[in-house]
Protein backbone atom coordinates (compact mmCIF):
# COMPACT_ATOMS: atom_id res chain seq x y z
CA MET A 1 30.57 229.16 152.44
CA THR A 2 32.42 231.25 155.06
CA LYS A 3 35.38 228.86 154.84
CA VAL A 4 35.44 229.29 151.07
CA PHE A 5 35.57 233.10 151.39
CA ARG A 6 38.30 232.85 154.03
CA ALA A 7 40.38 230.58 151.77
CA ALA A 8 39.90 232.92 148.84
CA GLY A 9 40.91 235.90 150.98
CA MET A 10 44.02 234.14 152.20
CA ALA A 11 44.98 233.22 148.65
CA ALA A 12 44.50 236.82 147.55
CA ALA A 13 46.59 238.06 150.44
CA VAL A 14 49.37 235.59 149.64
CA LEU A 15 49.26 236.63 145.98
CA LEU A 16 49.40 240.31 146.95
CA LEU A 17 52.38 239.69 149.23
CA ALA A 18 54.12 237.78 146.45
CA GLU A 19 53.53 240.66 144.02
CA VAL A 20 54.85 243.20 146.57
CA ALA A 21 57.93 241.06 147.17
CA ALA A 22 58.53 240.64 143.45
CA ASP A 23 58.09 244.35 142.89
CA GLY A 24 60.56 245.12 145.68
CA PHE A 25 63.06 242.67 144.21
CA GLN A 26 62.76 244.28 140.78
CA ARG A 27 63.20 247.75 142.28
CA ARG A 28 66.34 246.69 144.18
CA LYS A 29 67.73 245.00 141.07
CA LYS A 30 67.08 248.07 138.94
CA LYS A 31 68.68 250.33 141.57
CA GLU A 32 71.75 248.09 141.78
CA GLN A 33 72.06 248.09 137.99
CA GLU A 34 71.75 251.89 137.91
CA GLU A 35 74.39 252.27 140.60
CA ILE A 36 76.75 249.96 138.70
CA THR A 37 76.33 251.86 135.44
CA GLN A 38 76.75 255.23 137.15
CA THR A 39 79.98 254.29 138.96
CA LEU A 40 83.06 254.90 136.83
CA GLU A 41 86.29 253.16 137.71
CA LEU A 42 89.08 255.68 138.16
CA PRO A 43 92.15 255.14 135.97
CA PRO A 44 95.30 254.08 137.85
CA ASP A 45 98.00 256.60 138.67
CA PRO A 46 101.28 256.33 136.74
CA PRO A 47 104.03 254.51 138.63
CA LEU A 48 106.53 256.60 140.57
CA ALA A 49 109.47 254.66 139.11
CA THR A 50 110.11 251.86 136.64
CA ALA A 51 113.13 249.83 135.50
CA ALA A 52 114.30 249.16 131.95
CA ASP A 53 117.16 247.49 130.08
CA PRO A 54 119.35 250.30 128.70
CA SER A 55 120.49 248.15 125.76
CA ARG A 56 116.90 247.97 124.46
CA LEU A 57 115.93 251.63 124.64
CA ALA A 58 114.51 253.71 121.82
CA PHE A 59 113.03 257.20 121.65
CA ALA A 60 110.06 258.85 119.98
CA ALA A 61 108.39 262.26 119.73
CA ALA A 62 104.80 262.80 118.67
CA PRO A 63 104.23 265.31 115.87
CA LEU A 64 102.75 268.61 116.93
CA SER A 65 99.11 269.28 116.12
CA ALA A 66 96.90 272.35 116.32
CA ARG A 67 93.63 270.40 116.05
CA GLY A 68 91.34 270.77 119.04
CA LEU A 69 92.32 271.71 122.57
CA LEU A 70 94.66 270.09 125.08
CA SER A 71 92.64 266.91 125.68
CA ARG A 72 92.22 266.08 122.01
CA GLN A 73 95.83 266.90 121.16
CA THR A 74 97.05 264.69 124.00
CA ARG A 75 94.91 261.75 122.84
CA ASP A 76 95.99 262.23 119.23
CA ALA A 77 99.66 262.35 120.22
CA LEU A 78 99.35 259.20 122.33
CA ARG A 79 97.62 257.38 119.49
CA VAL A 80 100.48 258.20 117.10
CA LEU A 81 103.12 257.17 119.65
CA MET A 82 101.39 253.84 120.32
CA GLN A 83 100.98 253.09 116.63
CA ASN A 84 104.65 253.74 116.00
CA ALA A 85 105.83 251.83 119.08
CA ARG A 86 105.04 248.46 117.43
CA GLY A 87 104.75 246.56 120.67
CA ALA A 88 107.59 248.26 122.56
CA ARG A 89 106.94 249.05 126.22
CA PHE A 90 106.63 252.70 127.19
CA VAL A 91 109.09 253.48 129.99
CA ARG A 92 108.72 257.25 130.31
CA ILE A 93 106.58 259.99 128.79
CA ARG A 94 107.38 263.66 129.18
CA ALA A 95 104.70 266.17 128.27
CA PHE A 96 105.41 269.84 127.64
CA VAL A 97 102.20 271.89 127.67
CA ALA A 98 101.77 275.39 126.24
CA GLY A 99 98.74 277.57 126.88
CA THR A 100 96.26 277.63 129.72
CA GLY A 101 95.05 274.00 129.70
CA ASP A 102 94.87 272.03 132.95
CA LEU A 103 98.15 270.07 133.20
CA ARG A 104 96.42 267.45 135.38
CA ARG A 105 94.31 266.43 132.38
CA VAL A 106 97.43 265.08 130.69
CA GLN A 107 98.04 262.55 133.48
CA SER A 108 94.38 261.49 133.44
CA ILE A 109 94.38 261.00 129.66
CA VAL A 110 97.65 259.05 129.71
CA ALA A 111 96.27 256.77 132.44
CA GLU A 112 92.94 256.29 130.65
CA THR A 113 94.60 255.54 127.30
CA PHE A 114 97.02 252.96 128.65
CA ALA A 115 94.27 251.33 130.73
CA GLU A 116 92.05 251.04 127.64
CA LYS A 117 94.91 249.44 125.71
CA LYS A 118 95.71 247.19 128.70
CA GLN A 119 99.32 248.32 128.60
CA PRO A 120 101.53 249.06 131.63
CA LEU A 121 101.72 252.72 132.50
CA PRO A 122 105.03 254.59 132.05
CA VAL A 123 106.42 257.10 134.50
CA LEU A 124 105.29 260.62 133.66
CA THR A 125 106.61 264.19 133.81
CA VAL A 126 104.34 267.10 132.93
CA THR A 127 105.45 270.74 132.82
CA GLN A 128 104.11 273.93 131.28
CA VAL A 129 106.37 275.79 128.84
CA GLY A 130 106.24 279.20 127.24
CA LEU A 131 105.78 278.29 123.58
CA LEU A 132 105.70 275.33 121.19
CA PRO A 133 106.87 275.76 117.58
CA LEU A 134 103.41 275.54 115.99
CA ASP A 135 100.57 278.03 116.31
CA GLY A 136 97.73 276.41 118.22
CA ALA A 137 99.80 273.46 119.51
CA GLN A 138 99.21 272.88 123.22
CA VAL A 139 101.22 269.74 124.00
CA GLN A 140 104.41 268.01 122.92
CA LEU A 141 104.98 264.41 123.99
CA GLU A 142 108.39 262.71 124.13
CA ALA A 143 108.71 259.02 124.97
CA THR A 144 111.39 256.55 126.02
CA LEU A 145 110.58 252.97 125.03
CA GLU A 146 111.98 249.51 125.77
CA GLN A 147 112.07 247.36 122.65
CA ARG A 148 111.90 243.58 122.54
CA LYS A 149 115.43 243.25 121.18
CA ALA A 150 118.66 245.03 122.01
CA THR A 151 119.46 248.10 119.94
CA GLY A 152 123.00 248.47 121.32
CA ALA A 153 125.05 247.89 124.46
CA GLY A 154 123.61 250.65 126.63
CA VAL A 155 122.58 254.28 126.63
CA LEU A 156 124.18 257.70 126.93
CA PHE A 157 122.52 260.68 128.60
CA ALA A 158 124.08 264.10 128.03
CA ALA A 159 123.09 267.58 129.20
CA VAL A 160 124.58 270.69 127.61
CA THR A 161 123.98 274.44 127.64
CA ALA A 162 125.24 276.94 125.09
CA GLU A 163 124.83 280.47 123.77
CA THR A 164 123.81 279.42 120.25
CA PRO A 165 121.95 276.50 118.62
CA ALA A 166 125.02 275.47 116.64
CA ALA A 167 127.19 275.40 119.76
CA ALA A 168 124.61 273.29 121.61
CA VAL A 169 124.41 270.69 118.83
CA GLU A 170 128.20 270.60 118.54
CA ALA A 171 128.50 269.98 122.29
CA VAL A 172 126.00 267.11 122.06
CA GLU A 173 127.92 265.60 119.14
CA ARG A 174 131.16 265.70 121.12
CA GLU A 175 129.51 263.69 123.88
CA PHE A 176 128.12 261.23 121.32
CA GLN A 177 131.53 260.75 119.70
CA ALA A 178 133.27 260.24 123.05
CA ALA A 179 130.75 257.53 123.90
CA GLU A 180 131.06 255.94 120.43
CA THR A 181 127.43 256.12 119.44
CA ALA A 182 126.65 254.83 115.96
CA PRO A 183 125.58 257.38 113.32
CA ASP A 184 122.24 255.58 112.96
CA ALA A 185 121.75 254.89 116.70
CA PRO A 186 118.38 255.70 118.28
CA VAL A 187 118.69 259.29 119.49
CA SER A 188 116.53 261.76 121.40
CA LEU A 189 117.27 265.48 121.50
CA LEU A 190 115.13 267.59 123.83
CA CYS A 191 115.91 271.30 123.97
CA GLY A 192 114.54 274.37 125.68
CA VAL A 193 115.46 277.79 124.32
CA SER A 194 115.18 281.22 125.86
CA GLU A 195 113.75 282.96 122.78
CA ALA A 196 111.35 281.78 120.10
CA GLU A 197 113.71 283.04 117.37
CA LEU A 198 116.19 280.30 118.31
CA ILE A 199 113.79 277.43 117.58
CA GLU A 200 114.21 277.25 113.80
CA PRO A 201 118.03 277.56 113.76
CA LEU A 202 118.20 274.84 116.39
CA ARG A 203 115.88 272.59 114.40
CA GLN A 204 118.03 273.02 111.30
CA ALA A 205 121.28 272.33 113.19
CA ALA A 206 119.81 269.21 114.80
CA ALA A 207 118.46 267.94 111.46
CA ARG A 208 121.90 268.25 109.87
CA ALA A 209 123.62 266.40 112.69
CA ARG A 210 121.01 263.73 113.49
CA PRO A 211 118.23 263.71 110.88
CA ARG A 212 116.55 260.64 112.42
CA ALA A 213 116.54 261.89 116.00
CA ALA A 214 113.36 262.23 118.03
CA PHE A 215 113.57 266.01 118.28
CA VAL A 216 111.66 268.20 120.74
CA VAL A 217 112.13 271.93 121.13
CA PHE A 218 110.20 274.63 122.98
CA GLN A 219 110.61 278.06 124.51
CA ARG A 220 111.05 277.38 128.22
CA GLN A 221 109.42 280.53 129.55
CA ARG A 222 107.75 283.50 127.92
CA ILE A 223 110.30 285.86 129.46
CA PRO A 224 113.82 285.23 128.03
CA ALA A 225 116.44 283.97 130.48
CA ALA A 226 119.94 282.49 130.33
CA PRO A 227 121.22 280.06 129.19
CA LYS A 228 119.94 280.58 125.68
CA VAL A 229 119.93 276.89 124.67
CA ALA A 230 119.74 273.90 127.04
CA CYS A 231 119.53 270.37 125.63
CA GLN A 232 119.31 266.87 126.97
CA ALA A 233 120.32 264.17 124.54
CA SER A 234 119.93 260.41 124.77
CA ALA A 235 121.54 257.87 122.45
CA VAL A 236 122.18 254.15 122.31
CA ILE A 237 125.88 253.24 122.59
CA ARG A 238 127.61 250.44 120.68
CA ARG A 239 129.96 249.07 123.36
CA PRO A 240 129.45 248.37 127.06
CA VAL A 241 131.35 250.59 129.50
CA PRO A 242 133.56 249.13 132.28
CA GLY A 243 131.66 248.75 135.51
CA GLY A 244 128.38 249.60 133.84
CA VAL A 245 128.80 253.39 134.06
CA ARG A 246 131.13 256.08 132.72
CA ARG A 247 130.59 259.66 133.81
CA THR A 248 131.74 263.07 132.64
CA PRO A 249 130.53 266.41 134.01
CA ALA A 250 128.02 266.58 131.14
CA SER A 251 127.09 262.94 130.51
CA ALA A 252 126.58 259.42 131.83
CA ALA A 253 127.03 256.27 129.72
CA LEU A 254 125.18 253.28 131.21
CA SER A 255 125.41 249.62 130.26
CA ALA A 256 124.15 247.99 133.45
CA PRO A 257 121.56 245.20 133.11
CA LYS A 258 118.85 247.65 134.16
CA ILE A 259 118.38 251.30 135.09
CA VAL A 260 115.58 253.01 136.96
CA PHE A 261 113.52 255.95 135.65
CA SER A 262 111.48 258.13 137.97
CA GLY A 263 108.52 260.29 137.10
CA ALA A 264 108.31 263.90 138.24
CA GLN A 265 108.49 264.50 141.98
CA LEU A 266 107.11 267.91 142.91
CA ALA A 267 108.41 270.23 145.58
CA PHE A 268 105.59 272.22 147.18
CA ARG A 269 106.08 275.74 148.55
CA TYR A 270 109.34 277.62 148.80
CA GLU A 271 111.37 276.90 151.92
CA GLU A 272 114.50 274.77 152.22
CA SER A 273 112.55 272.26 154.31
CA ASP A 274 110.02 271.94 151.45
CA ALA A 275 112.79 271.35 148.91
CA ARG A 276 114.45 268.80 151.18
CA LEU A 277 111.17 266.93 151.53
CA ALA A 278 110.89 266.62 147.72
CA TYR A 279 114.37 265.10 147.50
CA GLN A 280 113.52 262.73 150.35
CA ARG A 281 110.37 261.56 148.58
CA LEU A 282 112.27 261.00 145.33
CA ASP A 283 114.97 259.08 147.20
CA ARG A 284 112.35 256.80 148.80
CA THR A 285 110.76 256.24 145.39
CA LEU A 286 114.10 255.19 143.89
CA GLN A 287 114.90 252.97 146.89
CA GLN A 288 111.63 251.12 146.46
CA ALA A 289 112.72 250.42 142.86
CA GLY A 290 116.17 249.21 143.95
CA ALA A 291 118.14 252.43 143.38
CA SER A 292 118.73 255.73 145.20
CA LEU A 293 119.72 259.33 144.63
CA LYS A 294 123.27 258.36 145.58
CA SER A 295 123.32 256.14 142.48
CA ALA A 296 121.58 258.67 140.22
CA ALA A 297 123.22 259.12 136.82
CA VAL A 298 120.79 261.86 135.67
CA LEU A 299 118.88 264.38 137.76
CA ASN A 300 116.78 266.99 135.98
CA ILE A 301 115.26 269.97 137.76
CA TYR A 302 112.31 271.98 136.42
CA PRO A 303 112.00 275.13 138.59
CA LEU A 304 109.58 277.99 138.11
CA SER A 305 112.21 280.71 138.64
CA GLU A 306 115.94 281.30 138.97
CA GLN A 307 115.50 281.69 142.73
CA LEU A 308 113.84 278.29 142.99
CA ALA A 309 116.57 276.82 140.78
CA GLY A 310 119.10 278.04 143.32
CA LEU A 311 117.06 276.54 146.16
CA ALA A 312 116.91 273.14 144.41
CA ALA A 313 120.64 273.27 143.66
CA ARG A 314 121.56 274.00 147.29
CA ILE A 315 119.62 271.02 148.62
CA ARG A 316 120.73 268.69 145.80
CA GLY A 317 124.21 268.28 147.28
CA GLU A 318 122.78 266.69 150.43
CA PHE A 319 121.39 263.71 148.51
CA VAL A 320 123.62 262.92 145.51
CA ASP A 321 127.11 261.39 145.44
CA SER A 322 129.39 264.43 145.56
CA ALA A 323 132.32 262.41 144.19
CA GLN A 324 130.28 261.29 141.16
CA PRO A 325 127.38 263.73 140.82
CA PRO A 326 124.68 263.08 138.22
CA CYS A 327 124.49 265.08 135.03
CA GLY A 328 121.26 266.82 134.16
CA LEU A 329 119.51 270.03 133.26
CA VAL A 330 118.13 272.83 135.36
CA MET A 331 115.29 273.82 133.01
CA PRO A 332 113.11 276.72 134.19
CA THR A 333 109.51 276.33 133.00
CA GLU A 334 106.22 278.20 133.22
CA GLY A 335 104.18 275.90 135.44
CA LEU A 336 103.65 272.54 137.14
CA PRO A 337 100.57 270.36 137.73
CA SER A 338 100.06 271.84 141.22
CA ILE A 339 99.25 275.45 142.00
CA ASP A 340 101.75 275.49 144.89
CA GLY A 341 104.46 273.53 143.06
CA ALA A 342 107.93 275.14 143.18
CA PHE A 343 110.00 272.74 141.12
CA ALA A 344 109.93 269.18 139.80
CA LEU A 345 112.64 266.53 139.94
CA GLU A 346 113.14 263.51 137.69
CA ALA A 347 115.98 260.99 137.82
CA VAL A 348 117.60 258.08 136.05
CA ALA A 349 119.55 255.90 138.48
CA LEU A 350 121.59 252.73 138.59
CA PRO A 351 120.47 249.91 140.87
CA ALA A 352 122.09 250.08 144.28
CA ALA A 353 124.85 247.61 145.12
CA GLY A 354 123.43 244.13 145.53
CA GLN A 355 120.20 244.89 143.71
C-alpha cells in the first residue's frame, strides 16, 4: 500500500512539474508576442543622394490644401503625387512648410509613406517659409520624377532673380528659348517672393507663359527682403548638348547619361568652420554617388538670414569649380528642420570623370 501511495505521489509531482513548465512556456510565448507587437520598425531615412537619367525627368506639384494640420496635409499631398506619378520613380521631393508645425514630421511621413508603398525613397529638402498662397495651407510639395521613357534629350536648370513677376518669367523664358525647350516640354517653376502681394501677379504671368508647368510659389520670409522675386525653373530640352553640359551664369543644360541629386545638407551654428563642414559633408555625399561639388551644375542655398547667406557664399568658392561655377538660388527662408541649423545646401551634379 505504501508503494502505491509513493507511486501516486510521484505521478502527481510529475504532473505538477509538467503543468508549471507548460505555464512558464505559455507565459514566455505571450511575453514574446507582446514584445513583438509593441516594437515598431522605424521607417528608413531618405537617401543623401540619388542618380537619375536627365532625359526621362518630369515634374509635379501637389495642390495646396487647408484640410487638417501639417501631418494630414503632407499625407494628402503625397497621395496625390503618387497617384499622378503613374509608376514613375520619385527622385527628389522638396517641401515648403508654413506655420508652426514640426518640420521633422515631414521627413517621417515621407519615409513612412514610401515604405508602405514599397517604393524607393527620394532625396528630400524641407524648409519653413513665411506664407503659402492659401489660408490654412501648411505644406507645399514639389517633386522631380524619372519616367520609364525619355521625355527629351536632357534637362535645363535655370535660376533667376528680378524686381517684378513679369521680369522674372521673361528671364526664365529667355533661358528656355536659348536651350531650345519645346513649348509643351515638362516644366517646373518654383518661386519665392518677398511680399505676399506679388504671389498672384506671378501666378498669372507663369500661367500665360507655361500653363502646364508644375508651379510653386510662396513668400520666403514674413519680413520682406530683396530680391523681390527669385525663381528656379527646370525644363526638358529637345536636343543633347555637346559634352553633356552647357553652362551660362544663370543656367545649366545637362544631357549626360545620368546626373546626381542631393537632399538638403544642413549647416549647424554660425562660424566659418561650421559652414565649411557642411560643404565637406555635401561633397562626401556627392562623391559616394559618383559626383562632387567640383562637378556641380546647380547649388541652391537656403539661409535663415542675409548674414548667413553671405557666410555660405564666402565658403562656396572653396568647393566649386571657379572656372565653371554652378547656377542656383540663394533663397532665404524662415526655418530648417534643426533648431541650430544656419543654412541648407542642395545640389545637382554631373558624374565625375570616369564614373
